[in-house]
Amino acid sequence: MDATRADQQPMPGKLRPTGTDGIDQIQADTAAALRSTIVLPPYDEVLRLIDTLKGHLGPLIEQAKEHVQEHRPGEVAWYREHAQIDNAQFQLRAGPGNGLVSAARRLQSLARSVQQLLRQIHHEQGA
């Protein structure tokens, strides 16, 4: 999982990834989290990636909340996007679990939430 810059935390006040570099970094961190779980990475690496993805997820949730306003209540997209936001907020609050296996599962759930929100936010842009 050394292909990412996961040790470099996103700036807390920054809500939007800067251009394609920011999105590319989020996608690289997500890909690292979704690697095969046949051989689990060390626990400290899983925890570091969880923190990194949570750092990405917080700003993405805020962007998704802005984006969902483009839809009217009652539209399928409105309900779907609200469900994704609710799931992401749950993932953000959840801890890593009791051991390596549960932490690895939490990491993958976080990564899928990040992917969903990226698709939701950047859908019109083709990202």
N, C-alpha and C. Protein backbone atom coordinates (compact mmCIF):
# COMPACT_ATOMS: atom_id res chain seq x y z
N MET A 1 0.82 -1.19 0.00
CA MET A 1 0.00 0.00 0.00
C MET A 1 0.86 1.25 0.00
N ASP A 2 2.10 1.08 -0.38
CA ASP A 2 3.03 2.19 -0.37
C ASP A 2 2.85 3.13 -1.58
N ALA A 3 1.93 2.82 -2.49
CA ALA A 3 1.73 3.66 -3.68
C ALA A 3 0.94 4.92 -3.37
N THR A 4 0.43 5.04 -2.16
CA THR A 4 -0.36 6.22 -1.82
C THR A 4 0.45 7.16 -0.96
N ARG A 5 -0.06 8.36 -0.83
CA ARG A 5 0.52 9.34 0.08
C ARG A 5 -0.37 9.43 1.31
N ALA A 6 -0.76 8.27 1.83
CA ALA A 6 -1.73 8.22 2.92
C ALA A 6 -1.21 8.87 4.19
N ASP A 7 0.12 8.95 4.34
CA ASP A 7 0.67 9.56 5.54
C ASP A 7 0.53 11.07 5.51
N GLN A 8 0.19 11.64 4.36
CA GLN A 8 -0.03 13.08 4.26
C GLN A 8 -1.52 13.34 4.40
N GLN A 9 -1.93 13.80 5.53
CA GLN A 9 -3.35 14.03 5.81
C GLN A 9 -3.86 15.23 5.03
N PRO A 10 -5.12 15.17 4.54
CA PRO A 10 -5.68 16.34 3.87
C PRO A 10 -5.81 17.50 4.84
N MET A 11 -5.74 18.71 4.31
CA MET A 11 -5.87 19.89 5.15
C MET A 11 -7.29 19.96 5.68
N PRO A 12 -7.48 20.10 7.01
CA PRO A 12 -8.80 20.03 7.61
C PRO A 12 -9.79 21.06 7.07
N GLY A 13 -9.38 22.27 6.76
CA GLY A 13 -10.31 23.28 6.32
C GLY A 13 -10.63 23.23 4.84
N LYS A 14 -9.98 22.36 4.11
CA LYS A 14 -10.13 22.31 2.67
C LYS A 14 -11.30 21.40 2.31
N LEU A 15 -12.33 21.95 1.70
CA LEU A 15 -13.52 21.18 1.40
C LEU A 15 -13.49 20.50 0.05
N ARG A 16 -12.76 21.02 -0.89
CA ARG A 16 -12.79 20.47 -2.23
C ARG A 16 -11.40 20.00 -2.65
N PRO A 17 -11.32 18.77 -3.23
CA PRO A 17 -10.03 18.36 -3.74
C PRO A 17 -9.62 19.28 -4.88
N THR A 18 -8.32 19.58 -4.96
CA THR A 18 -7.86 20.52 -5.97
C THR A 18 -7.67 19.80 -7.28
N GLY A 19 -8.55 20.05 -8.21
CA GLY A 19 -8.46 19.51 -9.56
C GLY A 19 -8.33 18.00 -9.58
N THR A 20 -7.73 17.54 -10.67
CA THR A 20 -7.60 16.10 -10.83
C THR A 20 -6.58 15.50 -9.88
N ASP A 21 -5.60 16.30 -9.40
CA ASP A 21 -4.61 15.77 -8.46
C ASP A 21 -5.28 15.32 -7.16
N GLY A 22 -6.20 16.15 -6.62
CA GLY A 22 -6.90 15.79 -5.39
C GLY A 22 -7.77 14.57 -5.58
N ILE A 23 -8.48 14.52 -6.69
CA ILE A 23 -9.34 13.37 -6.96
C ILE A 23 -8.49 12.14 -7.20
N ASP A 24 -7.38 12.29 -7.92
CA ASP A 24 -6.48 11.16 -8.16
C ASP A 24 -5.95 10.60 -6.84
N GLN A 25 -5.63 11.48 -5.89
CA GLN A 25 -5.13 11.02 -4.59
C GLN A 25 -6.21 10.26 -3.84
N ILE A 26 -7.43 10.78 -3.86
CA ILE A 26 -8.54 10.08 -3.19
C ILE A 26 -8.74 8.71 -3.83
N GLN A 27 -8.70 8.63 -5.15
CA GLN A 27 -8.87 7.36 -5.84
C GLN A 27 -7.73 6.40 -5.53
N ALA A 28 -6.51 6.91 -5.41
CA ALA A 28 -5.37 6.06 -5.06
C ALA A 28 -5.52 5.51 -3.64
N ASP A 29 -5.94 6.35 -2.71
CA ASP A 29 -6.15 5.90 -1.33
C ASP A 29 -7.28 4.87 -1.27
N THR A 30 -8.32 5.09 -2.05
CA THR A 30 -9.45 4.16 -2.10
C THR A 30 -9.00 2.82 -2.68
N ALA A 31 -8.24 2.86 -3.76
CA ALA A 31 -7.74 1.62 -4.37
C ALA A 31 -6.86 0.84 -3.38
N ALA A 32 -6.05 1.55 -2.63
CA ALA A 32 -5.20 0.88 -1.63
C ALA A 32 -6.05 0.20 -0.58
N ALA A 33 -7.17 0.83 -0.22
CA ALA A 33 -8.05 0.25 0.80
C ALA A 33 -8.81 -0.96 0.29
N LEU A 34 -9.05 -1.00 -1.01
CA LEU A 34 -9.86 -2.09 -1.57
C LEU A 34 -9.03 -3.25 -2.11
N ARG A 35 -7.74 -3.23 -1.87
CA ARG A 35 -6.92 -4.36 -2.31
C ARG A 35 -7.40 -5.64 -1.67
N SER A 36 -7.02 -6.73 -2.26
CA SER A 36 -7.43 -8.05 -1.80
C SER A 36 -7.20 -8.24 -0.31
N THR A 37 -8.13 -8.90 0.35
CA THR A 37 -7.99 -9.16 1.78
C THR A 37 -7.56 -10.59 2.06
N ILE A 38 -7.04 -11.27 1.05
CA ILE A 38 -6.55 -12.64 1.28
C ILE A 38 -5.42 -12.60 2.30
N VAL A 39 -4.50 -11.66 2.10
CA VAL A 39 -3.43 -11.43 3.07
C VAL A 39 -3.65 -10.02 3.60
N LEU A 40 -4.00 -9.92 4.86
CA LEU A 40 -4.32 -8.63 5.44
C LEU A 40 -3.05 -7.82 5.71
N PRO A 41 -3.12 -6.52 5.51
CA PRO A 41 -1.97 -5.67 5.82
C PRO A 41 -1.81 -5.55 7.33
N PRO A 42 -0.69 -5.02 7.79
CA PRO A 42 -0.50 -4.82 9.23
C PRO A 42 -1.58 -3.91 9.80
N TYR A 43 -1.93 -4.14 11.05
CA TYR A 43 -3.01 -3.39 11.72
C TYR A 43 -2.77 -1.89 11.71
N ASP A 44 -1.52 -1.47 11.97
CA ASP A 44 -1.25 -0.03 12.00
C ASP A 44 -1.43 0.60 10.62
N GLU A 45 -1.16 -0.14 9.57
CA GLU A 45 -1.38 0.38 8.22
C GLU A 45 -2.88 0.51 7.92
N VAL A 46 -3.66 -0.46 8.38
CA VAL A 46 -5.12 -0.39 8.21
C VAL A 46 -5.66 0.83 8.95
N LEU A 47 -5.21 1.03 10.17
CA LEU A 47 -5.68 2.19 10.95
C LEU A 47 -5.28 3.51 10.28
N ARG A 48 -4.07 3.57 9.71
CA ARG A 48 -3.62 4.77 9.02
C ARG A 48 -4.50 5.05 7.81
N LEU A 49 -4.82 4.01 7.05
CA LEU A 49 -5.68 4.18 5.87
C LEU A 49 -7.11 4.56 6.27
N ILE A 50 -7.59 4.01 7.38
CA ILE A 50 -8.92 4.40 7.87
C ILE A 50 -8.93 5.90 8.16
N ASP A 51 -7.91 6.37 8.86
CA ASP A 51 -7.83 7.80 9.17
C ASP A 51 -7.75 8.64 7.89
N THR A 52 -6.98 8.18 6.92
CA THR A 52 -6.83 8.90 5.65
C THR A 52 -8.17 8.99 4.93
N LEU A 53 -8.89 7.86 4.85
CA LEU A 53 -10.18 7.87 4.16
C LEU A 53 -11.21 8.71 4.90
N LYS A 54 -11.17 8.69 6.22
CA LYS A 54 -12.07 9.55 6.98
C LYS A 54 -11.76 11.02 6.71
N GLY A 55 -10.49 11.33 6.51
CA GLY A 55 -10.10 12.69 6.16
C GLY A 55 -10.66 13.11 4.81
N HIS A 56 -10.76 12.16 3.89
CA HIS A 56 -11.38 12.44 2.58
C HIS A 56 -12.90 12.49 2.69
N LEU A 57 -13.45 11.62 3.51
CA LEU A 57 -14.90 11.45 3.56
C LEU A 57 -15.62 12.66 4.13
N GLY A 58 -15.07 13.28 5.16
CA GLY A 58 -15.72 14.45 5.76
C GLY A 58 -16.03 15.54 4.75
N PRO A 59 -15.02 16.02 4.01
CA PRO A 59 -15.29 17.05 3.00
C PRO A 59 -16.21 16.56 1.88
N LEU A 60 -16.09 15.28 1.51
CA LEU A 60 -16.97 14.75 0.46
C LEU A 60 -18.43 14.75 0.89
N ILE A 61 -18.68 14.49 2.17
CA ILE A 61 -20.05 14.53 2.68
C ILE A 61 -20.62 15.94 2.53
N GLU A 62 -19.81 16.94 2.88
CA GLU A 62 -20.28 18.32 2.75
C GLU A 62 -20.59 18.67 1.29
N GLN A 63 -19.73 18.24 0.39
CA GLN A 63 -19.97 18.48 -1.03
C GLN A 63 -21.22 17.75 -1.51
N ALA A 64 -21.42 16.52 -1.03
CA ALA A 64 -22.59 15.75 -1.43
C ALA A 64 -23.87 16.40 -0.93
N LYS A 65 -23.82 16.99 0.26
CA LYS A 65 -25.00 17.69 0.79
C LYS A 65 -25.37 18.87 -0.09
N GLU A 66 -24.36 19.56 -0.62
CA GLU A 66 -24.62 20.66 -1.55
C GLU A 66 -25.19 20.13 -2.87
N HIS A 67 -24.62 19.03 -3.32
CA HIS A 67 -25.00 18.45 -4.61
C HIS A 67 -26.44 17.93 -4.59
N VAL A 68 -26.87 17.36 -3.48
CA VAL A 68 -28.20 16.76 -3.41
C VAL A 68 -29.29 17.81 -3.57
N GLN A 69 -28.96 19.06 -3.33
CA GLN A 69 -29.93 20.14 -3.46
C GLN A 69 -30.34 20.36 -4.91
N GLU A 70 -29.59 19.79 -5.86
CA GLU A 70 -29.95 19.89 -7.27
C GLU A 70 -31.17 19.06 -7.61
N HIS A 71 -31.54 18.15 -6.71
CA HIS A 71 -32.69 17.29 -6.94
C HIS A 71 -33.85 17.73 -6.05
N ARG A 72 -35.04 17.40 -6.47
CA ARG A 72 -36.22 17.72 -5.66
C ARG A 72 -36.59 16.51 -4.81
N PRO A 73 -37.07 16.77 -3.60
CA PRO A 73 -37.56 15.65 -2.77
C PRO A 73 -38.63 14.89 -3.55
N GLY A 74 -38.54 13.59 -3.48
CA GLY A 74 -39.47 12.74 -4.20
C GLY A 74 -38.84 12.09 -5.42
N GLU A 75 -37.78 12.70 -5.94
CA GLU A 75 -37.07 12.10 -7.07
C GLU A 75 -36.22 10.93 -6.57
N VAL A 76 -36.08 9.93 -7.41
CA VAL A 76 -35.28 8.76 -7.03
C VAL A 76 -33.85 9.18 -6.69
N ALA A 77 -33.28 10.06 -7.48
CA ALA A 77 -31.90 10.50 -7.24
C ALA A 77 -31.77 11.17 -5.88
N TRP A 78 -32.77 11.94 -5.47
CA TRP A 78 -32.74 12.60 -4.18
C TRP A 78 -32.66 11.57 -3.05
N TYR A 79 -33.52 10.55 -3.11
CA TYR A 79 -33.51 9.50 -2.08
C TYR A 79 -32.20 8.72 -2.10
N ARG A 80 -31.73 8.36 -3.29
CA ARG A 80 -30.50 7.58 -3.40
C ARG A 80 -29.32 8.36 -2.82
N GLU A 81 -29.21 9.65 -3.18
CA GLU A 81 -28.09 10.44 -2.70
C GLU A 81 -28.16 10.68 -1.20
N HIS A 82 -29.36 10.86 -0.66
CA HIS A 82 -29.50 10.99 0.79
C HIS A 82 -29.09 9.70 1.49
N ALA A 83 -29.43 8.56 0.94
CA ALA A 83 -29.04 7.28 1.52
C ALA A 83 -27.52 7.14 1.51
N GLN A 84 -26.87 7.56 0.44
CA GLN A 84 -25.40 7.49 0.37
C GLN A 84 -24.76 8.42 1.40
N ILE A 85 -25.34 9.60 1.57
CA ILE A 85 -24.82 10.54 2.57
C ILE A 85 -25.00 9.96 3.98
N ASP A 86 -26.16 9.40 4.26
CA ASP A 86 -26.40 8.79 5.57
C ASP A 86 -25.42 7.66 5.85
N ASN A 87 -25.17 6.82 4.84
CA ASN A 87 -24.22 5.73 5.00
C ASN A 87 -22.82 6.27 5.24
N ALA A 88 -22.44 7.29 4.51
CA ALA A 88 -21.10 7.88 4.68
C ALA A 88 -20.95 8.48 6.07
N GLN A 89 -21.99 9.12 6.58
CA GLN A 89 -21.92 9.69 7.93
C GLN A 89 -21.78 8.58 8.97
N PHE A 90 -22.46 7.46 8.76
CA PHE A 90 -22.30 6.32 9.66
C PHE A 90 -20.86 5.82 9.61
N GLN A 91 -20.31 5.67 8.40
CA GLN A 91 -18.94 5.18 8.24
C GLN A 91 -17.95 6.12 8.92
N LEU A 92 -18.22 7.41 8.85
CA LEU A 92 -17.34 8.40 9.46
C LEU A 92 -17.33 8.28 10.98
N ARG A 93 -18.49 7.96 11.57
CA ARG A 93 -18.59 7.85 13.03
C ARG A 93 -18.10 6.51 13.57
N ALA A 94 -18.14 5.47 12.74
CA ALA A 94 -17.84 4.12 13.21
C ALA A 94 -16.35 3.95 13.50
N GLY A 95 -16.07 3.17 14.51
CA GLY A 95 -14.68 2.87 14.86
C GLY A 95 -14.16 1.71 14.03
N PRO A 96 -12.90 1.36 14.22
CA PRO A 96 -12.29 0.32 13.40
C PRO A 96 -12.72 -1.10 13.76
N GLY A 97 -13.31 -1.29 14.91
CA GLY A 97 -13.70 -2.64 15.32
C GLY A 97 -12.72 -3.19 16.35
N ASN A 98 -12.85 -4.48 16.64
CA ASN A 98 -12.08 -5.09 17.72
C ASN A 98 -10.76 -5.73 17.31
N GLY A 99 -10.54 -5.90 16.01
CA GLY A 99 -9.31 -6.55 15.59
C GLY A 99 -8.99 -6.25 14.14
N LEU A 100 -8.00 -6.95 13.62
CA LEU A 100 -7.52 -6.70 12.27
C LEU A 100 -8.59 -6.99 11.21
N VAL A 101 -9.30 -8.08 11.36
CA VAL A 101 -10.31 -8.44 10.35
C VAL A 101 -11.43 -7.41 10.32
N SER A 102 -11.94 -7.03 11.48
CA SER A 102 -13.01 -6.03 11.50
C SER A 102 -12.52 -4.67 11.02
N ALA A 103 -11.27 -4.32 11.34
CA ALA A 103 -10.71 -3.06 10.86
C ALA A 103 -10.55 -3.08 9.34
N ALA A 104 -10.13 -4.21 8.79
CA ALA A 104 -9.99 -4.33 7.33
C ALA A 104 -11.35 -4.22 6.66
N ARG A 105 -12.37 -4.80 7.26
CA ARG A 105 -13.73 -4.67 6.70
C ARG A 105 -14.22 -3.23 6.79
N ARG A 106 -13.95 -2.56 7.90
CA ARG A 106 -14.33 -1.15 8.05
C ARG A 106 -13.62 -0.31 7.00
N LEU A 107 -12.36 -0.60 6.76
CA LEU A 107 -11.58 0.11 5.76
C LEU A 107 -12.23 -0.04 4.38
N GLN A 108 -12.64 -1.23 4.03
CA GLN A 108 -13.26 -1.44 2.73
C GLN A 108 -14.62 -0.75 2.65
N SER A 109 -15.37 -0.75 3.72
CA SER A 109 -16.65 -0.04 3.73
C SER A 109 -16.44 1.46 3.55
N LEU A 110 -15.45 2.00 4.22
CA LEU A 110 -15.11 3.41 4.06
C LEU A 110 -14.72 3.71 2.61
N ALA A 111 -13.92 2.85 2.04
CA ALA A 111 -13.47 3.06 0.66
C ALA A 111 -14.65 3.06 -0.31
N ARG A 112 -15.60 2.15 -0.10
CA ARG A 112 -16.79 2.12 -0.97
C ARG A 112 -17.63 3.38 -0.79
N SER A 113 -17.73 3.88 0.43
CA SER A 113 -18.46 5.14 0.67
C SER A 113 -17.79 6.30 -0.05
N VAL A 114 -16.47 6.35 0.01
CA VAL A 114 -15.73 7.41 -0.67
C VAL A 114 -15.98 7.31 -2.18
N GLN A 115 -15.93 6.11 -2.73
CA GLN A 115 -16.18 5.92 -4.15
C GLN A 115 -17.58 6.40 -4.54
N GLN A 116 -18.58 6.01 -3.74
CA GLN A 116 -19.96 6.40 -4.04
C GLN A 116 -20.13 7.91 -4.03
N LEU A 117 -19.56 8.57 -3.03
CA LEU A 117 -19.71 10.02 -2.97
C LEU A 117 -18.95 10.71 -4.09
N LEU A 118 -17.78 10.20 -4.45
CA LEU A 118 -17.06 10.78 -5.58
C LEU A 118 -17.90 10.70 -6.86
N ARG A 119 -18.50 9.52 -7.08
CA ARG A 119 -19.36 9.36 -8.26
C ARG A 119 -20.55 10.30 -8.19
N GLN A 120 -21.14 10.42 -7.02
CA GLN A 120 -22.32 11.27 -6.84
C GLN A 120 -21.97 12.74 -7.13
N ILE A 121 -20.87 13.20 -6.60
CA ILE A 121 -20.49 14.61 -6.72
C ILE A 121 -20.01 14.95 -8.13
N HIS A 122 -19.24 14.06 -8.72
CA HIS A 122 -18.59 14.37 -9.99
C HIS A 122 -19.27 13.68 -11.17
N HIS A 123 -20.52 13.26 -10.97
CA HIS A 123 -21.26 12.55 -12.02
C HIS A 123 -21.35 13.36 -13.30
N GLU A 124 -21.70 14.63 -13.19
CA GLU A 124 -21.88 15.47 -14.37
C GLU A 124 -20.56 15.71 -15.09
N GLN A 125 -19.47 15.67 -14.35
CA GLN A 125 -18.16 16.00 -14.93
C GLN A 125 -17.52 14.78 -15.59
N GLY A 126 -18.15 13.62 -15.47
CA GLY A 126 -17.61 12.41 -16.06
C GLY A 126 -16.48 11.80 -15.28
N ALA A 127 -16.28 12.23 -14.03
CA ALA A 127 -15.19 11.68 -13.21
C ALA A 127 -15.61 10.41 -12.55
